[in-house]
Amino acid sequence: MSDKTQHGKVTRELKPSRLLLMLEGRAIYDAVSMLPMFPLKRFLPKGDDHPVLVLPGFLASSRSTKPLRKFIQDLGYRAHRWKLGYNMGYSHELHDGMRERVTELVERYNSKISIIGWSLGGIYARELAREMPDIVRQVISMGSPFRGTPESSNAERIFQLFAATPYEEIPASFLENLAVAPPVPTTALYTRGDGVVAWQSTVEVSDRDDVENIHVGGAHLGLGFNPRSLFAIADRLAQPDGQWQPFQPPLVLRPLFHNWYPDWLVNGDKEPV
């Protein structure tokens, strides 16, 4: 096992550099570049009306996911916010609230649900699917550090200050399987240019056929607007239930999903899968 991981967890040594953190400002370009995607939606796969729950990242609310939910809704899905206010980190109340929200939407539409989570929201999405695999259709995470700890993130101090529950007090039952993909089709969107969390902590290490990683580039703070994220999400949501296939972008678009970050800018020169 690498000295940069402990028990499958990415350690402090792989925390993004200050340069990458400063470059997170480019998220504004991800947001601006989202605009052309709205008129281009007619060229993307149409939705089948099944419900999709979108979970925000740490310290964010459903306002941050509104553009993404609008995009998903326009494709033909029932996109919903989580209705739980700001994401202040794990708590028993939040855990129960998310479970109730998933159950509510599944019962309302009499259909399995897809769950999309941004950063910490993606960790929740994975755990909800692990607990309720019979009603979760698939999970998509965006820059979610499910293989990391607060110390492998540039948000460590902020997490310590504002988290509802200190990391050390989060139930072991919640933390012990974070790095293991839930028993449903699972997609991890990541960027090697992530300036907030170690990118190595956001990718799956699995030999399952229904688990995949998709490199979408851009900034961590822009993953919910990134056109490559939107394209991948549209493609993944359109997979028929029970007939999931790995992501394969059209030949002309494949270069957009390659890693173009130089090794000197990021920690590690190899894919961790």
Protein backbone atom coordinates (compact mmCIF):
# COMPACT_ATOMS: atom_id res chain seq x y z
CA MET A 1 0.00 0.00 0.00
CA SER A 2 1.29 3.47 -0.87
CA ASP A 3 2.65 5.62 1.95
CA LYS A 4 0.19 8.23 0.71
CA THR A 5 -2.79 6.08 1.65
CA GLN A 6 -3.73 4.44 4.91
CA HIS A 7 -6.29 1.66 5.00
CA GLY A 8 -7.56 2.73 1.60
CA LYS A 9 -7.80 6.42 2.59
CA VAL A 10 -5.91 9.22 0.83
CA THR A 11 -3.67 11.07 3.29
CA ARG A 12 -2.54 14.66 3.85
CA GLU A 13 0.41 14.22 1.47
CA LEU A 14 -1.92 14.34 -1.53
CA LYS A 15 -3.77 17.49 -0.46
CA PRO A 16 -4.02 19.88 -3.45
CA SER A 17 -1.39 22.58 -3.70
CA ARG A 18 -2.06 26.23 -2.91
CA LEU A 19 -1.68 26.97 -6.61
CA LEU A 20 -4.55 24.62 -7.45
CA LEU A 21 -6.61 26.16 -4.67
CA MET A 22 -6.06 29.65 -6.10
CA LEU A 23 -7.00 28.35 -9.54
CA GLU A 24 -10.45 27.42 -8.22
CA GLY A 25 -11.45 30.91 -9.34
CA ARG A 26 -11.77 29.46 -12.83
CA ALA A 27 -15.07 27.97 -11.68
CA ILE A 28 -16.64 31.16 -12.99
CA TYR A 29 -15.69 30.05 -16.50
CA ASP A 30 -17.40 26.71 -15.89
CA ALA A 31 -20.54 28.61 -14.89
CA VAL A 32 -20.43 30.85 -17.96
CA SER A 33 -19.73 27.92 -20.28
CA MET A 34 -22.88 26.22 -18.97
CA LEU A 35 -25.07 28.73 -20.80
CA PRO A 36 -24.58 27.26 -24.31
CA MET A 37 -25.60 23.84 -22.96
CA PHE A 38 -29.22 24.90 -22.51
CA PRO A 39 -29.97 25.41 -26.23
CA LEU A 40 -27.92 22.29 -27.01
CA LYS A 41 -30.12 20.10 -24.82
CA ARG A 42 -32.16 19.03 -27.84
CA PHE A 43 -29.14 17.02 -29.01
CA LEU A 44 -28.87 15.11 -25.72
CA PRO A 45 -30.76 11.93 -24.74
CA LYS A 46 -34.30 12.59 -23.58
CA GLY A 47 -35.36 11.69 -20.06
CA ASP A 48 -37.85 9.01 -19.05
CA ASP A 49 -39.50 11.11 -16.29
CA HIS A 50 -37.91 9.19 -13.38
CA PRO A 51 -37.08 11.21 -10.23
CA VAL A 52 -33.59 12.63 -9.65
CA LEU A 53 -32.47 14.01 -6.28
CA VAL A 54 -29.56 16.47 -6.27
CA LEU A 55 -27.54 16.98 -3.06
CA PRO A 56 -25.34 20.07 -2.48
CA GLY A 57 -21.79 20.23 -1.17
CA PHE A 58 -20.50 21.29 2.24
CA LEU A 59 -21.79 24.72 3.40
CA ALA A 60 -23.95 24.97 0.28
CA SER A 61 -27.72 24.87 -0.08
CA SER A 62 -30.05 23.85 -2.88
CA ARG A 63 -29.45 27.25 -4.48
CA SER A 64 -26.08 25.94 -5.67
CA THR A 65 -27.74 23.04 -7.49
CA LYS A 66 -30.59 25.01 -9.06
CA PRO A 67 -28.95 25.41 -12.52
CA LEU A 68 -28.11 21.70 -12.60
CA ARG A 69 -31.63 20.75 -11.56
CA LYS A 70 -33.08 23.04 -14.24
CA PHE A 71 -30.87 21.38 -16.84
CA ILE A 72 -31.94 17.90 -15.70
CA GLN A 73 -35.59 18.86 -15.59
CA ASP A 74 -35.47 20.24 -19.13
CA LEU A 75 -34.09 16.91 -20.32
CA GLY A 76 -37.25 15.19 -19.11
CA TYR A 77 -36.62 14.09 -15.53
CA ARG A 78 -38.26 14.96 -12.21
CA ALA A 79 -35.37 16.90 -10.68
CA HIS A 80 -35.67 17.72 -6.98
CA ARG A 81 -33.75 19.60 -4.28
CA TRP A 82 -33.08 18.07 -0.91
CA LYS A 83 -35.11 20.56 1.21
CA LEU A 84 -32.70 20.29 4.14
CA GLY A 85 -31.18 23.76 4.16
CA TYR A 86 -27.41 24.24 4.21
CA ASN A 87 -25.16 21.20 4.18
CA MET A 88 -23.34 21.51 7.50
CA GLY A 89 -21.90 18.02 7.47
CA TYR A 90 -23.10 14.77 8.92
CA SER A 91 -25.71 14.62 11.69
CA HIS A 92 -28.28 12.02 12.68
CA GLU A 93 -31.05 14.49 11.82
CA LEU A 94 -29.62 15.11 8.36
CA HIS A 95 -29.15 11.40 7.75
CA ASP A 96 -32.75 10.67 8.68
CA GLY A 97 -33.98 13.66 6.65
CA MET A 98 -32.25 12.46 3.49
CA ARG A 99 -33.64 8.95 3.87
CA GLU A 100 -37.12 10.38 4.29
CA ARG A 101 -36.68 12.60 1.23
CA VAL A 102 -35.62 9.65 -0.93
CA THR A 103 -38.52 7.53 0.30
CA GLU A 104 -40.97 10.38 -0.27
CA LEU A 105 -39.93 10.86 -3.91
CA VAL A 106 -39.90 7.14 -4.67
CA GLU A 107 -43.41 6.75 -3.28
CA ARG A 108 -44.66 9.88 -5.06
CA TYR A 109 -43.55 8.70 -8.49
CA ASN A 110 -43.71 4.96 -7.88
CA SER A 111 -40.28 4.72 -9.46
CA LYS A 112 -36.66 4.16 -8.52
CA ILE A 113 -34.64 7.32 -8.01
CA SER A 114 -31.26 8.50 -9.28
CA ILE A 115 -29.16 10.49 -6.81
CA ILE A 116 -26.53 13.07 -7.79
CA GLY A 117 -24.25 14.57 -5.16
CA TRP A 118 -21.71 17.38 -5.39
CA SER A 119 -18.62 16.97 -3.18
CA LEU A 120 -19.84 16.01 0.32
CA GLY A 121 -23.31 15.56 -1.19
CA GLY A 122 -21.92 12.73 -3.30
CA ILE A 123 -20.75 10.90 -0.19
CA TYR A 124 -24.30 11.11 1.15
CA ALA A 125 -25.66 9.89 -2.19
CA ARG A 126 -23.44 6.82 -2.10
CA GLU A 127 -24.45 5.97 1.45
CA LEU A 128 -28.16 6.40 0.71
CA ALA A 129 -27.76 3.96 -2.18
CA ARG A 130 -25.88 1.54 0.09
CA GLU A 131 -28.72 1.63 2.61
CA MET A 132 -31.58 1.55 0.08
CA PRO A 133 -30.32 -0.25 -3.05
CA ASP A 134 -33.76 -1.58 -3.95
CA ILE A 135 -35.11 1.91 -4.65
CA VAL A 136 -31.98 3.72 -5.93
CA ARG A 137 -31.44 3.41 -9.67
CA GLN A 138 -27.92 4.85 -9.84
CA VAL A 139 -25.54 7.27 -8.12
CA ILE A 140 -23.44 10.04 -9.67
CA SER A 141 -20.87 11.86 -7.52
CA MET A 142 -19.05 15.06 -8.50
CA GLY A 143 -15.67 15.61 -6.86
CA SER A 144 -16.74 13.64 -3.78
CA PRO A 145 -13.81 12.66 -1.49
CA PHE A 146 -15.16 9.27 -0.44
CA ARG A 147 -11.60 7.89 -0.25
CA GLY A 148 -10.27 10.83 1.74
CA THR A 149 -10.41 12.47 5.14
CA PRO A 150 -10.67 16.17 6.08
CA GLU A 151 -6.88 16.39 6.32
CA SER A 152 -6.50 15.49 2.63
CA SER A 153 -8.59 18.56 1.73
CA ASN A 154 -7.89 22.27 1.63
CA ALA A 155 -11.23 22.71 3.39
CA GLU A 156 -9.99 20.95 6.56
CA ARG A 157 -10.00 24.02 8.79
CA ILE A 158 -13.37 25.19 7.50
CA PHE A 159 -14.78 21.72 8.11
CA GLN A 160 -13.43 21.73 11.67
CA LEU A 161 -15.02 25.11 12.35
CA PHE A 162 -18.46 24.60 10.86
CA ALA A 163 -19.21 20.87 10.69
CA ALA A 164 -22.26 19.84 12.70
CA THR A 165 -20.36 16.75 13.87
CA PRO A 166 -16.55 16.53 14.21
CA TYR A 167 -15.08 13.93 11.90
CA GLU A 168 -13.91 11.85 14.86
CA GLU A 169 -17.46 11.64 16.19
CA ILE A 170 -19.19 10.57 12.98
CA PRO A 171 -20.52 7.01 13.47
CA ALA A 172 -18.05 4.34 12.38
CA SER A 173 -20.91 2.57 10.61
CA PHE A 174 -21.16 5.57 8.28
CA LEU A 175 -17.43 5.94 7.64
CA GLU A 176 -16.22 2.35 7.36
CA ASN A 177 -17.43 1.63 3.82
CA LEU A 178 -17.15 5.06 2.21
CA ALA A 179 -14.48 3.92 -0.25
CA VAL A 180 -16.55 0.92 -1.38
CA ALA A 181 -18.97 1.62 -4.23
CA PRO A 182 -22.63 1.08 -3.31
CA PRO A 183 -24.41 -1.94 -4.85
CA VAL A 184 -25.96 0.08 -7.70
CA PRO A 185 -24.49 1.52 -10.92
CA THR A 186 -22.07 4.18 -9.74
CA THR A 187 -20.31 6.99 -11.61
CA ALA A 188 -17.64 9.27 -10.14
CA LEU A 189 -17.01 12.55 -11.98
CA TYR A 190 -13.61 14.00 -11.06
CA THR A 191 -10.98 16.49 -12.12
CA ARG A 192 -7.24 16.18 -11.63
CA GLY A 193 -7.24 19.96 -11.35
CA ASP A 194 -9.31 19.83 -8.14
CA GLY A 195 -8.06 22.52 -5.78
CA VAL A 196 -10.33 21.70 -2.84
CA VAL A 197 -9.95 17.96 -2.26
CA ALA A 198 -7.31 15.46 -3.35
CA TRP A 199 -8.47 14.20 -6.74
CA GLN A 200 -7.22 10.71 -5.84
CA SER A 201 -9.87 10.63 -3.10
CA THR A 202 -12.69 11.24 -5.59
CA VAL A 203 -12.20 8.22 -7.86
CA GLU A 204 -13.42 4.66 -7.62
CA VAL A 205 -11.03 1.74 -7.24
CA SER A 206 -13.19 -1.19 -8.26
CA ASP A 207 -13.28 -4.02 -10.77
CA ARG A 208 -17.06 -4.02 -10.98
CA ASP A 209 -18.51 -3.55 -14.47
CA ASP A 210 -21.12 -1.04 -13.23
CA VAL A 211 -18.64 1.29 -11.52
CA GLU A 212 -16.76 3.97 -13.46
CA ASN A 213 -14.74 7.19 -13.28
CA ILE A 214 -15.15 10.05 -15.78
CA HIS A 215 -12.58 12.84 -15.94
CA VAL A 216 -14.42 16.10 -16.64
CA GLY A 217 -11.67 18.60 -15.84
CA GLY A 218 -12.34 22.10 -14.57
CA ALA A 219 -12.53 23.34 -10.99
CA HIS A 220 -14.05 21.59 -7.99
CA LEU A 221 -16.35 24.57 -7.41
CA GLY A 222 -17.51 24.44 -11.02
CA LEU A 223 -18.36 20.76 -11.32
CA GLY A 224 -22.10 21.44 -11.14
CA PHE A 225 -21.89 23.77 -14.15
CA ASN A 226 -19.07 22.18 -16.17
CA PRO A 227 -20.40 21.31 -19.68
CA ARG A 228 -18.53 17.99 -19.61
CA SER A 229 -20.24 17.15 -16.33
CA LEU A 230 -23.60 18.05 -17.85
CA PHE A 231 -22.98 15.89 -20.90
CA ALA A 232 -21.90 12.93 -18.77
CA ILE A 233 -24.86 13.34 -16.40
CA ALA A 234 -27.32 13.48 -19.32
CA ASP A 235 -25.78 10.32 -20.77
CA ARG A 236 -25.77 8.44 -17.46
CA LEU A 237 -29.34 9.34 -16.50
CA ALA A 238 -30.54 8.10 -19.89
CA GLN A 239 -29.25 4.57 -19.22
CA PRO A 240 -32.29 2.24 -19.01
CA ASP A 241 -32.84 0.73 -15.59
CA GLY A 242 -31.15 -2.66 -15.51
CA GLN A 243 -29.31 -2.03 -18.81
CA TRP A 244 -26.50 0.24 -17.63
CA GLN A 245 -23.45 0.52 -19.91
CA PRO A 246 -20.12 2.31 -19.27
CA PHE A 247 -19.75 5.89 -20.49
CA GLN A 248 -18.51 6.23 -24.05
CA PRO A 249 -18.62 9.77 -25.47
CA PRO A 250 -18.85 10.28 -29.23
CA LEU A 251 -15.50 10.04 -30.98
CA VAL A 252 -15.40 13.77 -31.71
CA LEU A 253 -15.88 14.61 -28.00
CA ARG A 254 -13.47 12.10 -26.47
CA PRO A 255 -10.53 14.56 -26.28
CA LEU A 256 -12.65 16.73 -23.97
CA PHE A 257 -12.71 13.96 -21.37
CA HIS A 258 -8.98 13.24 -21.43
CA ASN A 259 -6.65 14.45 -18.71
CA TRP A 260 -4.75 17.49 -19.93
CA TYR A 261 -3.30 18.53 -16.57
CA PRO A 262 0.52 18.40 -16.45
CA ASP A 263 1.92 16.12 -13.77
CA TRP A 264 3.89 18.94 -12.17
CA LEU A 265 0.62 20.66 -11.29
CA VAL A 266 -1.00 17.73 -9.49
CA ASN A 267 0.15 15.16 -6.95
CA GLY A 268 0.73 11.81 -8.62
CA ASP A 269 1.39 10.99 -12.24
CA LYS A 270 -0.72 7.82 -12.50
CA GLU A 271 -4.40 7.06 -12.54
CA PRO A 272 -5.30 5.26 -9.28
CA VAL A 273 -7.35 2.53 -10.97
